[in-house]
Amino acid sequence: MRFAVLIYDDVEPIDLGATFGVLSMARRMAPDIETVALARSLEPVICANGLKVMPDEDYKSFSGADVLIVTGGPGWMRVAKDPDTLEFLKNVSGDVKLAAICTGAMILAAAGLLDGCEATTKVEIAGAEIPPLAILEKDYATITARQAVAVSSNGCLTSGGVSLGIDGVFYLLAQTHGGQVAKDVARIMEYSRALKANAASAPPIGFTKDVLEIAQ
C-alpha cells in the first residue's frame, strides 16, 4: 500500500516523524507499505527549523497512491492559499484516501475537501496565535469542528496537533491494515501508553470499534 505524504516549506519536522516514523516502523509488520514524500516541486523542502528534505515526487510526476496524508506546520497558511496545491488536491481526491495531521486539515478545508465532514486540527498555540481549530470553526460553516485526538468522517481522517499527529497515523494504520498491526507497531514504538492517555483526554470520533480498540 502506497502512502504519499504532502510536505511544503515550513512544515513542522515532527509531522515528518509522525508520518514517516510510524509508517517506517509499520513496515516491519506490513512489508507492503511504501511511503513517498510529495511536494509542489522537486526542489528541497525547508522545514520550520531549517531542516532540508528532498521530495520523491512533485505534482506533475505524482504516480499515485492509496493514501495521501497532508502534514501541518507554520507554512499551512500560505499553502492553503496556493491555487496549484488546492487544485492538485481536488484532482486526486477521488483516487486516494485522504488524511491530514495537525494543521494539514486547514489545507484540506481550503480545498473544499472537508465540506460536510466533522474534522479536528491543532488546538494549543503560542503567544497571540489563534487556535487553528477556532479558525476552522469560524471560517468553514460546512465543517463541524471537533476537539479530538483524531476524527474519521466521510472517509477522511484528521488529527489533533503536533504530537497528536502520531496518534492520527496510528488510527489511519488501523483503518488500512487492521487494529492488530497498529497495536503491534505501537508496542514496538513504546507508544501504547500514550495512545491510551490521549484517547482518554480527547476521545477519537467516528471510528469503528476495531479501530478504537488500539487505544484500549
N, C-alpha and C. Protein backbone atom coordinates (compact mmCIF):
# COMPACT_ATOMS: atom_id res chain seq x y z
N MET A 1 0.84 -1.19 0.00
CA MET A 1 0.00 0.00 0.00
C MET A 1 0.88 1.25 0.00
N ARG A 2 0.55 2.18 -0.86
CA ARG A 2 1.40 3.36 -1.04
C ARG A 2 0.82 4.58 -0.32
N PHE A 3 1.65 5.16 0.54
CA PHE A 3 1.28 6.36 1.27
C PHE A 3 2.09 7.53 0.71
N ALA A 4 1.43 8.57 0.26
CA ALA A 4 2.11 9.79 -0.17
C ALA A 4 1.93 10.84 0.93
N VAL A 5 3.02 11.47 1.32
CA VAL A 5 2.98 12.46 2.40
C VAL A 5 3.28 13.82 1.79
N LEU A 6 2.29 14.70 1.82
CA LEU A 6 2.44 16.03 1.22
C LEU A 6 3.17 16.96 2.18
N ILE A 7 4.31 17.49 1.73
CA ILE A 7 5.12 18.39 2.55
C ILE A 7 5.33 19.70 1.81
N TYR A 8 5.77 20.72 2.53
CA TYR A 8 5.93 22.05 1.94
C TYR A 8 6.86 22.87 2.83
N ASP A 9 7.34 23.99 2.33
CA ASP A 9 8.21 24.84 3.14
C ASP A 9 7.51 25.25 4.43
N ASP A 10 8.25 25.19 5.53
CA ASP A 10 7.75 25.50 6.87
C ASP A 10 6.80 24.43 7.39
N VAL A 11 6.92 23.20 6.88
CA VAL A 11 6.23 22.08 7.51
C VAL A 11 6.92 21.81 8.84
N GLU A 12 6.19 21.35 9.81
CA GLU A 12 6.77 21.06 11.12
C GLU A 12 7.50 19.71 11.07
N PRO A 13 8.76 19.65 11.49
CA PRO A 13 9.51 18.39 11.40
C PRO A 13 8.85 17.23 12.13
N ILE A 14 8.14 17.50 13.22
CA ILE A 14 7.51 16.39 13.94
C ILE A 14 6.45 15.72 13.08
N ASP A 15 5.89 16.47 12.11
CA ASP A 15 4.90 15.85 11.22
C ASP A 15 5.56 14.86 10.27
N LEU A 16 6.83 15.09 9.95
CA LEU A 16 7.58 14.10 9.18
C LEU A 16 7.82 12.86 10.03
N GLY A 17 8.13 13.09 11.32
CA GLY A 17 8.33 11.96 12.22
C GLY A 17 7.05 11.17 12.43
N ALA A 18 5.94 11.88 12.55
CA ALA A 18 4.66 11.21 12.76
C ALA A 18 4.29 10.32 11.58
N THR A 19 4.54 10.81 10.38
CA THR A 19 4.15 10.05 9.20
C THR A 19 5.22 9.02 8.83
N PHE A 20 6.38 9.49 8.44
CA PHE A 20 7.43 8.57 8.01
C PHE A 20 7.89 7.67 9.15
N GLY A 21 7.91 8.21 10.38
CA GLY A 21 8.37 7.42 11.51
C GLY A 21 7.48 6.24 11.81
N VAL A 22 6.18 6.50 11.95
CA VAL A 22 5.23 5.42 12.25
C VAL A 22 5.16 4.43 11.09
N LEU A 23 5.08 4.94 9.88
CA LEU A 23 4.96 4.04 8.73
C LEU A 23 6.23 3.24 8.49
N SER A 24 7.38 3.82 8.81
CA SER A 24 8.64 3.07 8.70
C SER A 24 8.65 1.88 9.65
N MET A 25 8.25 2.14 10.90
CA MET A 25 8.19 1.04 11.86
C MET A 25 7.12 0.02 11.47
N ALA A 26 6.04 0.51 10.86
CA ALA A 26 4.94 -0.38 10.48
C ALA A 26 5.35 -1.37 9.39
N ARG A 27 6.36 -1.02 8.60
CA ARG A 27 6.81 -1.93 7.54
C ARG A 27 7.33 -3.24 8.11
N ARG A 28 7.72 -3.23 9.38
CA ARG A 28 8.17 -4.48 9.99
C ARG A 28 7.02 -5.48 10.11
N MET A 29 5.81 -4.94 10.27
CA MET A 29 4.62 -5.77 10.40
C MET A 29 3.89 -5.92 9.06
N ALA A 30 4.03 -4.90 8.22
CA ALA A 30 3.30 -4.89 6.95
C ALA A 30 4.26 -4.45 5.85
N PRO A 31 5.03 -5.39 5.27
CA PRO A 31 6.06 -5.05 4.28
C PRO A 31 5.51 -4.42 3.00
N ASP A 32 4.20 -4.46 2.82
CA ASP A 32 3.61 -3.87 1.62
C ASP A 32 3.59 -2.35 1.66
N ILE A 33 3.89 -1.76 2.82
CA ILE A 33 3.83 -0.30 2.96
C ILE A 33 4.99 0.37 2.23
N GLU A 34 4.64 1.35 1.43
CA GLU A 34 5.62 2.22 0.76
C GLU A 34 5.25 3.67 1.08
N THR A 35 6.22 4.48 1.42
CA THR A 35 5.95 5.87 1.77
C THR A 35 6.83 6.79 0.93
N VAL A 36 6.20 7.81 0.32
CA VAL A 36 6.95 8.76 -0.50
C VAL A 36 6.62 10.18 -0.06
N ALA A 37 7.59 11.06 -0.22
CA ALA A 37 7.40 12.47 0.08
C ALA A 37 6.98 13.19 -1.20
N LEU A 38 5.90 13.95 -1.10
CA LEU A 38 5.32 14.65 -2.24
C LEU A 38 5.34 16.14 -1.96
N ALA A 39 5.73 16.94 -2.95
CA ALA A 39 5.77 18.39 -2.77
C ALA A 39 5.38 19.09 -4.07
N ARG A 40 5.24 20.40 -3.98
CA ARG A 40 4.84 21.21 -5.15
C ARG A 40 5.87 21.10 -6.27
N SER A 41 7.13 20.99 -5.90
CA SER A 41 8.20 20.83 -6.88
C SER A 41 9.23 19.86 -6.31
N LEU A 42 10.23 19.55 -7.12
CA LEU A 42 11.27 18.63 -6.67
C LEU A 42 12.42 19.34 -5.98
N GLU A 43 12.28 20.64 -5.78
CA GLU A 43 13.29 21.39 -5.03
C GLU A 43 13.26 20.98 -3.56
N PRO A 44 14.37 21.13 -2.84
CA PRO A 44 14.37 20.79 -1.41
C PRO A 44 13.29 21.56 -0.65
N VAL A 45 12.62 20.87 0.24
CA VAL A 45 11.64 21.50 1.13
C VAL A 45 12.36 21.89 2.41
N ILE A 46 12.18 23.13 2.82
CA ILE A 46 12.84 23.62 4.02
C ILE A 46 11.83 23.63 5.17
N CYS A 47 12.06 22.78 6.14
CA CYS A 47 11.14 22.64 7.27
C CYS A 47 11.22 23.85 8.20
N ALA A 48 10.32 23.89 9.18
CA ALA A 48 10.20 25.04 10.06
C ALA A 48 11.49 25.35 10.82
N ASN A 49 12.33 24.34 11.04
CA ASN A 49 13.58 24.60 11.78
C ASN A 49 14.80 24.67 10.86
N GLY A 50 14.56 24.69 9.55
CA GLY A 50 15.66 24.77 8.59
C GLY A 50 16.10 23.43 8.01
N LEU A 51 15.60 22.33 8.55
CA LEU A 51 15.91 21.01 8.01
C LEU A 51 15.47 20.95 6.55
N LYS A 52 16.33 20.41 5.68
CA LYS A 52 16.01 20.29 4.27
C LYS A 52 15.63 18.85 3.94
N VAL A 53 14.56 18.70 3.19
CA VAL A 53 14.06 17.38 2.81
C VAL A 53 13.88 17.34 1.30
N MET A 54 14.33 16.27 0.67
CA MET A 54 14.17 16.11 -0.77
C MET A 54 12.90 15.33 -1.08
N PRO A 55 11.97 15.91 -1.80
CA PRO A 55 10.75 15.18 -2.18
C PRO A 55 11.07 14.04 -3.16
N ASP A 56 10.27 13.02 -3.13
CA ASP A 56 10.40 11.93 -4.10
C ASP A 56 9.66 12.25 -5.39
N GLU A 57 8.53 12.95 -5.25
CA GLU A 57 7.69 13.27 -6.41
C GLU A 57 7.11 14.66 -6.23
N ASP A 58 6.73 15.28 -7.36
CA ASP A 58 6.02 16.54 -7.29
C ASP A 58 4.64 16.36 -7.92
N TYR A 59 3.87 17.45 -8.00
CA TYR A 59 2.51 17.32 -8.51
C TYR A 59 2.48 16.79 -9.94
N LYS A 60 3.46 17.19 -10.75
CA LYS A 60 3.48 16.76 -12.14
C LYS A 60 3.89 15.30 -12.29
N SER A 61 4.81 14.85 -11.44
CA SER A 61 5.32 13.48 -11.57
C SER A 61 4.61 12.48 -10.65
N PHE A 62 3.63 12.94 -9.90
CA PHE A 62 2.95 12.08 -8.93
C PHE A 62 2.42 10.84 -9.62
N SER A 63 2.82 9.68 -9.13
CA SER A 63 2.46 8.41 -9.76
C SER A 63 1.34 7.68 -9.04
N GLY A 64 0.66 8.40 -8.16
CA GLY A 64 -0.49 7.81 -7.50
C GLY A 64 -0.17 7.23 -6.13
N ALA A 65 -1.21 7.02 -5.35
CA ALA A 65 -1.07 6.45 -4.01
C ALA A 65 -2.42 5.92 -3.56
N ASP A 66 -2.37 5.08 -2.55
CA ASP A 66 -3.61 4.62 -1.93
C ASP A 66 -4.10 5.62 -0.89
N VAL A 67 -3.13 6.25 -0.21
CA VAL A 67 -3.44 7.20 0.85
C VAL A 67 -2.59 8.45 0.66
N LEU A 68 -3.21 9.61 0.83
CA LEU A 68 -2.49 10.88 0.77
C LEU A 68 -2.65 11.58 2.12
N ILE A 69 -1.52 11.83 2.78
CA ILE A 69 -1.53 12.48 4.09
C ILE A 69 -0.98 13.89 3.93
N VAL A 70 -1.76 14.88 4.35
CA VAL A 70 -1.32 16.28 4.31
C VAL A 70 -0.79 16.65 5.69
N THR A 71 0.45 17.11 5.73
CA THR A 71 1.08 17.44 7.00
C THR A 71 0.76 18.88 7.41
N GLY A 72 1.17 19.23 8.63
CA GLY A 72 0.92 20.56 9.16
C GLY A 72 2.20 21.28 9.52
N GLY A 73 2.04 22.52 9.92
CA GLY A 73 3.18 23.35 10.29
C GLY A 73 2.88 24.80 10.00
N PRO A 74 3.75 25.72 10.38
CA PRO A 74 3.51 27.15 10.18
C PRO A 74 3.23 27.55 8.73
N GLY A 75 3.71 26.76 7.80
CA GLY A 75 3.50 27.07 6.38
C GLY A 75 2.10 26.82 5.88
N TRP A 76 1.23 26.26 6.73
CA TRP A 76 -0.11 25.89 6.24
C TRP A 76 -0.89 27.09 5.72
N MET A 77 -0.71 28.25 6.33
CA MET A 77 -1.49 29.42 5.92
C MET A 77 -1.17 29.83 4.48
N ARG A 78 0.10 29.72 4.10
CA ARG A 78 0.48 30.03 2.73
C ARG A 78 -0.01 28.95 1.77
N VAL A 79 0.16 27.70 2.15
CA VAL A 79 -0.23 26.60 1.27
C VAL A 79 -1.74 26.56 1.07
N ALA A 80 -2.50 26.95 2.09
CA ALA A 80 -3.96 26.96 1.98
C ALA A 80 -4.46 28.01 0.99
N LYS A 81 -3.56 28.88 0.54
CA LYS A 81 -3.92 29.89 -0.47
C LYS A 81 -3.24 29.63 -1.81
N ASP A 82 -2.52 28.52 -1.90
CA ASP A 82 -1.79 28.20 -3.12
C ASP A 82 -2.70 27.48 -4.12
N PRO A 83 -3.05 28.13 -5.23
CA PRO A 83 -4.00 27.51 -6.16
C PRO A 83 -3.52 26.19 -6.75
N ASP A 84 -2.22 26.05 -6.96
CA ASP A 84 -1.72 24.80 -7.53
C ASP A 84 -1.93 23.62 -6.57
N THR A 85 -1.66 23.87 -5.29
CA THR A 85 -1.85 22.80 -4.30
C THR A 85 -3.32 22.45 -4.15
N LEU A 86 -4.17 23.46 -4.05
CA LEU A 86 -5.60 23.20 -3.88
C LEU A 86 -6.17 22.47 -5.08
N GLU A 87 -5.74 22.87 -6.27
CA GLU A 87 -6.22 22.19 -7.47
C GLU A 87 -5.72 20.76 -7.53
N PHE A 88 -4.46 20.54 -7.16
CA PHE A 88 -3.91 19.19 -7.14
C PHE A 88 -4.72 18.30 -6.20
N LEU A 89 -4.99 18.80 -5.00
CA LEU A 89 -5.74 18.00 -4.02
C LEU A 89 -7.14 17.67 -4.53
N LYS A 90 -7.78 18.63 -5.14
CA LYS A 90 -9.12 18.37 -5.69
C LYS A 90 -9.06 17.31 -6.78
N ASN A 91 -8.04 17.38 -7.61
CA ASN A 91 -7.95 16.44 -8.73
C ASN A 91 -7.68 15.02 -8.29
N VAL A 92 -6.91 14.83 -7.22
CA VAL A 92 -6.57 13.46 -6.79
C VAL A 92 -7.50 12.92 -5.73
N SER A 93 -8.37 13.77 -5.20
CA SER A 93 -9.18 13.37 -4.04
C SER A 93 -10.06 12.15 -4.30
N GLY A 94 -10.47 11.96 -5.53
CA GLY A 94 -11.32 10.82 -5.83
C GLY A 94 -10.58 9.51 -5.97
N ASP A 95 -9.26 9.59 -6.01
CA ASP A 95 -8.46 8.38 -6.26
C ASP A 95 -7.70 7.89 -5.04
N VAL A 96 -7.71 8.65 -3.94
CA VAL A 96 -6.94 8.28 -2.76
C VAL A 96 -7.80 8.41 -1.51
N LYS A 97 -7.37 7.74 -0.45
CA LYS A 97 -7.94 8.02 0.86
C LYS A 97 -7.23 9.24 1.41
N LEU A 98 -7.97 10.24 1.84
CA LEU A 98 -7.38 11.47 2.33
C LEU A 98 -7.22 11.45 3.84
N ALA A 99 -6.11 12.00 4.30
CA ALA A 99 -5.86 12.16 5.72
C ALA A 99 -5.06 13.44 5.93
N ALA A 100 -5.17 14.01 7.11
CA ALA A 100 -4.40 15.19 7.45
C ALA A 100 -4.04 15.13 8.92
N ILE A 101 -2.80 15.50 9.22
CA ILE A 101 -2.42 15.59 10.62
C ILE A 101 -2.14 17.05 10.96
N CYS A 102 -2.43 17.41 12.19
CA CYS A 102 -2.22 18.77 12.66
C CYS A 102 -2.93 19.75 11.72
N THR A 103 -2.27 20.85 11.36
CA THR A 103 -2.92 21.87 10.54
C THR A 103 -3.01 21.50 9.06
N GLY A 104 -2.61 20.30 8.71
CA GLY A 104 -2.89 19.82 7.36
C GLY A 104 -4.37 19.85 7.07
N ALA A 105 -5.20 19.72 8.12
CA ALA A 105 -6.65 19.78 7.93
C ALA A 105 -7.09 21.12 7.38
N MET A 106 -6.37 22.18 7.73
CA MET A 106 -6.72 23.51 7.24
C MET A 106 -6.52 23.61 5.73
N ILE A 107 -5.55 22.88 5.22
CA ILE A 107 -5.30 22.86 3.78
C ILE A 107 -6.41 22.08 3.06
N LEU A 108 -6.80 20.94 3.63
CA LEU A 108 -7.92 20.19 3.05
C LEU A 108 -9.20 21.01 3.10
N ALA A 109 -9.40 21.75 4.19
CA ALA A 109 -10.59 22.60 4.30
C ALA A 109 -10.60 23.66 3.21
N ALA A 110 -9.45 24.28 2.98
CA ALA A 110 -9.35 25.32 1.96
C ALA A 110 -9.63 24.78 0.57
N ALA A 111 -9.33 23.50 0.36
CA ALA A 111 -9.59 22.87 -0.93
C ALA A 111 -11.04 22.42 -1.07
N GLY A 112 -11.83 22.59 0.00
CA GLY A 112 -13.23 22.16 -0.03
C GLY A 112 -13.43 20.69 0.18
N LEU A 113 -12.39 20.00 0.62
CA LEU A 113 -12.46 18.54 0.73
C LEU A 113 -12.96 18.05 2.08
N LEU A 114 -13.22 18.98 3.00
CA LEU A 114 -13.81 18.60 4.28
C LEU A 114 -15.26 19.09 4.40
N ASP A 115 -15.80 19.64 3.33
CA ASP A 115 -17.19 20.11 3.37
C ASP A 115 -18.12 18.96 3.75
N GLY A 116 -18.99 19.21 4.71
CA GLY A 116 -19.92 18.19 5.16
C GLY A 116 -19.33 17.19 6.13
N CYS A 117 -18.08 17.41 6.51
CA CYS A 117 -17.40 16.48 7.42
C CYS A 117 -17.29 17.04 8.84
N GLU A 118 -17.07 16.15 9.77
CA GLU A 118 -16.53 16.52 11.07
C GLU A 118 -15.01 16.47 10.93
N ALA A 119 -14.32 17.35 11.61
CA ALA A 119 -12.86 17.38 11.49
C ALA A 119 -12.24 18.01 12.72
N THR A 120 -10.97 17.71 12.92
CA THR A 120 -10.22 18.31 14.01
C THR A 120 -8.89 18.83 13.48
N THR A 121 -8.21 19.60 14.29
CA THR A 121 -6.89 20.12 13.95
C THR A 121 -6.22 20.61 15.23
N LYS A 122 -5.18 21.37 15.09
CA LYS A 122 -4.39 21.84 16.24
C LYS A 122 -5.21 22.78 17.13
N VAL A 123 -5.02 22.64 18.44
CA VAL A 123 -5.73 23.46 19.42
C VAL A 123 -4.79 24.40 20.17
N GLU A 124 -3.72 23.86 20.70
CA GLU A 124 -2.82 24.65 21.54
C GLU A 124 -1.96 25.58 20.69
N ILE A 125 -1.67 26.77 21.22
CA ILE A 125 -0.97 27.80 20.46
C ILE A 125 0.13 28.45 21.31
N ALA A 126 0.90 29.30 20.67
CA ALA A 126 1.92 30.09 21.36
C ALA A 126 1.60 31.57 21.19
N GLY A 127 1.76 32.32 22.25
CA GLY A 127 1.58 33.76 22.18
C GLY A 127 0.20 34.19 21.72
N ALA A 128 0.18 35.11 20.75
CA ALA A 128 -1.09 35.69 20.30
C ALA A 128 -1.70 34.95 19.11
N GLU A 129 -1.19 33.77 18.80
CA GLU A 129 -1.77 32.99 17.71
C GLU A 129 -3.23 32.67 17.99
N ILE A 130 -3.97 32.42 16.93
CA ILE A 130 -5.36 31.97 17.05
C ILE A 130 -5.38 30.46 16.87
N PRO A 131 -6.05 29.73 17.76
CA PRO A 131 -6.08 28.27 17.61
C PRO A 131 -6.65 27.88 16.25
N PRO A 132 -5.93 27.06 15.50
CA PRO A 132 -6.45 26.64 14.20
C PRO A 132 -7.84 26.00 14.28
N LEU A 133 -8.13 25.28 15.35
CA LEU A 133 -9.47 24.69 15.48
C LEU A 133 -10.54 25.78 15.53
N ALA A 134 -10.23 26.91 16.17
CA ALA A 134 -11.16 28.03 16.22
C ALA A 134 -11.34 28.65 14.83
N ILE A 135 -10.25 28.72 14.07
CA ILE A 135 -10.34 29.22 12.70
C ILE A 135 -11.20 28.29 11.84
N LEU A 136 -10.99 27.01 12.01
CA LEU A 136 -11.77 26.02 11.27
C LEU A 136 -13.25 26.19 11.55
N GLU A 137 -13.59 26.38 12.81
CA GLU A 137 -14.99 26.54 13.20
C GLU A 137 -15.58 27.85 12.67
N LYS A 138 -14.79 28.92 12.71
CA LYS A 138 -15.28 30.24 12.31
C LYS A 138 -15.39 30.40 10.80
N ASP A 139 -14.40 29.92 10.08
CA ASP A 139 -14.31 30.21 8.65
C ASP A 139 -14.97 29.19 7.74
N TYR A 140 -15.30 28.02 8.27
CA TYR A 140 -15.84 26.95 7.42
C TYR A 140 -17.16 26.43 7.99
N ALA A 141 -18.24 27.07 7.57
CA ALA A 141 -19.56 26.74 8.11
C ALA A 141 -20.01 25.33 7.75
N THR A 142 -19.46 24.78 6.67
CA THR A 142 -19.88 23.45 6.22
C THR A 142 -19.12 22.33 6.91
N ILE A 143 -18.17 22.70 7.78
CA ILE A 143 -17.38 21.70 8.50
C ILE A 143 -17.72 21.78 9.98
N THR A 144 -17.93 20.63 10.60
CA THR A 144 -18.17 20.58 12.04
C THR A 144 -16.85 20.37 12.76
N ALA A 145 -16.34 21.41 13.40
CA ALA A 145 -15.06 21.33 14.10
C ALA A 145 -15.23 20.61 15.42
N ARG A 146 -14.37 19.63 15.67
CA ARG A 146 -14.45 18.85 16.90
C ARG A 146 -13.06 18.78 17.54
N GLN A 147 -13.02 18.89 18.86
CA GLN A 147 -11.75 18.71 19.55
C GLN A 147 -11.60 17.23 19.89
N ALA A 148 -10.63 16.59 19.28
CA ALA A 148 -10.44 15.15 19.45
C ALA A 148 -9.02 14.79 19.05
N VAL A 149 -8.58 13.63 19.53
CA VAL A 149 -7.25 13.16 19.12
C VAL A 149 -7.24 12.88 17.63
N ALA A 150 -8.36 12.39 17.10
CA ALA A 150 -8.50 12.12 15.67
C ALA A 150 -9.98 11.98 15.34
N VAL A 151 -10.33 12.29 14.10
CA VAL A 151 -11.71 12.20 13.63
C VAL A 151 -11.72 11.50 12.28
N SER A 152 -12.66 10.57 12.12
CA SER A 152 -12.88 9.92 10.83
C SER A 152 -14.29 10.30 10.36
N SER A 153 -14.38 10.93 9.20
CA SER A 153 -15.68 11.42 8.72
C SER A 153 -15.71 11.39 7.20
N ASN A 154 -16.72 10.74 6.67
CA ASN A 154 -16.89 10.65 5.20
C ASN A 154 -15.63 10.15 4.51
N GLY A 155 -14.96 9.22 5.16
CA GLY A 155 -13.79 8.60 4.57
C GLY A 155 -12.49 9.36 4.74
N CYS A 156 -12.54 10.53 5.39
CA CYS A 156 -11.34 11.34 5.59
C CYS A 156 -10.96 11.35 7.06
N LEU A 157 -9.67 11.25 7.33
CA LEU A 157 -9.17 11.26 8.70
C LEU A 157 -8.41 12.55 8.96
N THR A 158 -8.70 13.19 10.10
CA THR A 158 -7.94 14.35 10.55
C THR A 158 -7.49 14.08 11.98
N SER A 159 -6.38 14.73 12.36
CA SER A 159 -5.87 14.50 13.72
C SER A 159 -5.66 15.82 14.43
N GLY A 160 -5.47 15.73 15.75
CA GLY A 160 -5.11 16.89 16.54
C GLY A 160 -3.71 17.34 16.20
N GLY A 161 -3.23 18.32 16.96
CA GLY A 161 -2.00 18.99 16.58
C GLY A 161 -0.71 18.36 17.09
N VAL A 162 0.35 18.67 16.40
CA VAL A 162 1.73 18.36 16.74
C VAL A 162 1.88 16.86 17.05
N SER A 163 2.17 16.49 18.29
CA SER A 163 2.43 15.08 18.59
C SER A 163 1.19 14.20 18.41
N LEU A 164 -0.01 14.81 18.43
CA LEU A 164 -1.20 14.00 18.19
C LEU A 164 -1.27 13.51 16.75
N GLY A 165 -0.43 14.08 15.89
CA GLY A 165 -0.33 13.53 14.54
C GLY A 165 0.16 12.10 14.54
N ILE A 166 1.00 11.77 15.52
CA ILE A 166 1.46 10.38 15.66
C ILE A 166 0.25 9.47 15.89
N ASP A 167 -0.62 9.88 16.81
CA ASP A 167 -1.83 9.11 17.08
C ASP A 167 -2.68 8.99 15.82
N GLY A 168 -2.79 10.11 15.09
CA GLY A 168 -3.59 10.09 13.88
C GLY A 168 -3.10 9.05 12.89
N VAL A 169 -1.79 8.92 12.75
CA VAL A 169 -1.24 7.93 11.82
C VAL A 169 -1.51 6.51 12.34
N PHE A 170 -1.52 6.33 13.64
CA PHE A 170 -1.87 5.01 14.18
C PHE A 170 -3.32 4.65 13.86
N TYR A 171 -4.23 5.61 14.00
CA TYR A 171 -5.64 5.34 13.65
C TYR A 171 -5.77 5.07 12.16
N LEU A 172 -5.02 5.80 11.37
CA LEU A 172 -5.03 5.57 9.93
C LEU A 172 -4.50 4.17 9.61
N LEU A 173 -3.42 3.79 10.26
CA LEU A 173 -2.85 2.46 10.05
C LEU A 173 -3.84 1.37 10.44
N ALA A 174 -4.58 1.59 11.51
CA ALA A 174 -5.60 0.62 11.91
C ALA A 174 -6.69 0.50 10.85
N GLN A 175 -7.00 1.61 10.18
CA GLN A 175 -8.01 1.56 9.12
C GLN A 175 -7.50 0.82 7.89
N THR A 176 -6.24 1.02 7.56
CA THR A 176 -5.71 0.43 6.32
C THR A 176 -5.18 -0.99 6.50
N HIS A 177 -4.66 -1.30 7.70
CA HIS A 177 -4.01 -2.59 7.90
C HIS A 177 -4.55 -3.39 9.08
N GLY A 178 -5.56 -2.85 9.74
CA GLY A 178 -6.16 -3.58 10.85
C GLY A 178 -5.62 -3.17 12.21
N GLY A 179 -6.47 -3.33 13.21
CA GLY A 179 -6.13 -2.92 14.55
C GLY A 179 -4.94 -3.64 15.14
N GLN A 180 -4.79 -4.92 14.84
CA GLN A 180 -3.70 -5.68 15.44
C GLN A 180 -2.34 -5.18 14.96
N VAL A 181 -2.24 -4.84 13.68
CA VAL A 181 -0.99 -4.30 13.16
C VAL A 181 -0.67 -2.98 13.86
N ALA A 182 -1.68 -2.12 13.98
CA ALA A 182 -1.46 -0.83 14.64
C ALA A 182 -1.05 -1.02 16.10
N LYS A 183 -1.67 -1.95 16.78
CA LYS A 183 -1.33 -2.21 18.19
C LYS A 183 0.10 -2.75 18.31
N ASP A 184 0.49 -3.62 17.39
CA ASP A 184 1.84 -4.18 17.44
C ASP A 184 2.88 -3.09 17.18
N VAL A 185 2.59 -2.20 16.24
CA VAL A 185 3.53 -1.12 15.94
C VAL A 185 3.63 -0.18 17.14
N ALA A 186 2.50 0.14 17.76
CA ALA A 186 2.52 0.99 18.95
C ALA A 186 3.35 0.35 20.06
N ARG A 187 3.25 -0.96 20.18
CA ARG A 187 4.01 -1.67 21.21
C ARG A 187 5.50 -1.56 20.96
N ILE A 188 5.94 -1.83 19.71
CA ILE A 188 7.37 -1.81 19.46
C ILE A 188 7.93 -0.38 19.46
N MET A 189 7.05 0.59 19.27
CA MET A 189 7.47 2.00 19.37
C MET A 189 7.36 2.51 20.81
N GLU A 190 6.87 1.64 21.70
CA GLU A 190 6.65 2.01 23.10
C GLU A 190 5.73 3.23 23.20
N TYR A 191 4.65 3.17 22.40
CA TYR A 191 3.70 4.28 22.34
C TYR A 191 2.31 3.89 22.81
N SER A 192 2.13 2.66 23.25
CA SER A 192 0.80 2.18 23.64
C SER A 192 0.21 3.02 24.77
N ARG A 193 1.01 3.37 25.77
CA ARG A 193 0.51 4.16 26.89
C ARG A 193 0.06 5.54 26.43
N ALA A 194 0.81 6.14 25.51
CA ALA A 194 0.45 7.46 25.00
C ALA A 194 -0.86 7.41 24.22
N LEU A 195 -1.05 6.36 23.42
CA LEU A 195 -2.31 6.21 22.70
C LEU A 195 -3.49 6.18 23.65
N LYS A 196 -3.35 5.41 24.72
CA LYS A 196 -4.45 5.29 25.69
C LYS A 196 -4.70 6.61 26.40
N ALA A 197 -3.63 7.27 26.83
CA ALA A 197 -3.78 8.53 27.56
C ALA A 197 -4.40 9.61 26.68
N ASN A 198 -3.97 9.71 25.44
CA ASN A 198 -4.50 10.73 24.55
C ASN A 198 -5.96 10.46 24.18
N ALA A 199 -6.30 9.19 24.00
CA ALA A 199 -7.69 8.84 23.69
C ALA A 199 -8.60 9.14 24.87
N ALA A 200 -8.07 9.00 26.07
CA ALA A 200 -8.87 9.27 27.27
C ALA A 200 -9.13 10.77 27.45
N SER A 201 -8.16 11.60 27.08
CA SER A 201 -8.30 13.04 27.30
C SER A 201 -9.03 13.75 26.16
N ALA A 202 -8.94 13.21 24.95
CA ALA A 202 -9.62 13.80 23.80
C ALA A 202 -10.10 12.67 22.90
N PRO A 203 -11.20 12.00 23.28
CA PRO A 203 -11.63 10.78 22.61
C PRO A 203 -11.76 10.91 21.09
N PRO A 204 -11.28 9.90 20.37
CA PRO A 204 -11.42 9.90 18.91
C PRO A 204 -12.89 9.79 18.51
N ILE A 205 -13.20 10.29 17.34
CA ILE A 205 -14.59 10.38 16.87
C ILE A 205 -14.72 9.72 15.50
N GLY A 206 -15.78 8.91 15.34
CA GLY A 206 -16.16 8.41 14.03
C GLY A 206 -15.50 7.12 13.59
N PHE A 207 -14.74 6.48 14.47
CA PHE A 207 -14.04 5.26 14.09
C PHE A 207 -14.84 4.02 14.48
N THR A 208 -14.60 2.93 13.76
CA THR A 208 -15.25 1.67 14.06
C THR A 208 -14.66 1.09 15.36
N LYS A 209 -15.37 0.15 15.93
CA LYS A 209 -14.98 -0.43 17.20
C LYS A 209 -13.59 -1.06 17.14
N ASP A 210 -13.30 -1.75 16.05
CA ASP A 210 -11.99 -2.43 15.97
C ASP A 210 -10.85 -1.43 15.90
N VAL A 211 -11.07 -0.27 15.31
CA VAL A 211 -10.03 0.75 15.26
C VAL A 211 -9.86 1.38 16.65
N LEU A 212 -10.96 1.64 17.32
CA LEU A 212 -10.89 2.24 18.65
C LEU A 212 -10.15 1.36 19.65
N GLU A 213 -10.16 0.07 19.41
CA GLU A 213 -9.51 -0.87 20.34
C GLU A 213 -8.00 -0.70 20.40
N ILE A 214 -7.38 0.03 19.47
CA ILE A 214 -5.92 0.20 19.54
C ILE A 214 -5.52 1.06 20.72
N ALA A 215 -6.47 1.83 21.26
CA ALA A 215 -6.14 2.71 22.39
C ALA A 215 -6.77 2.22 23.68
N GLN A 216 -7.12 0.95 23.73
CA GLN A 216 -7.73 0.40 24.95
C GLN A 216 -6.77 -0.54 25.67
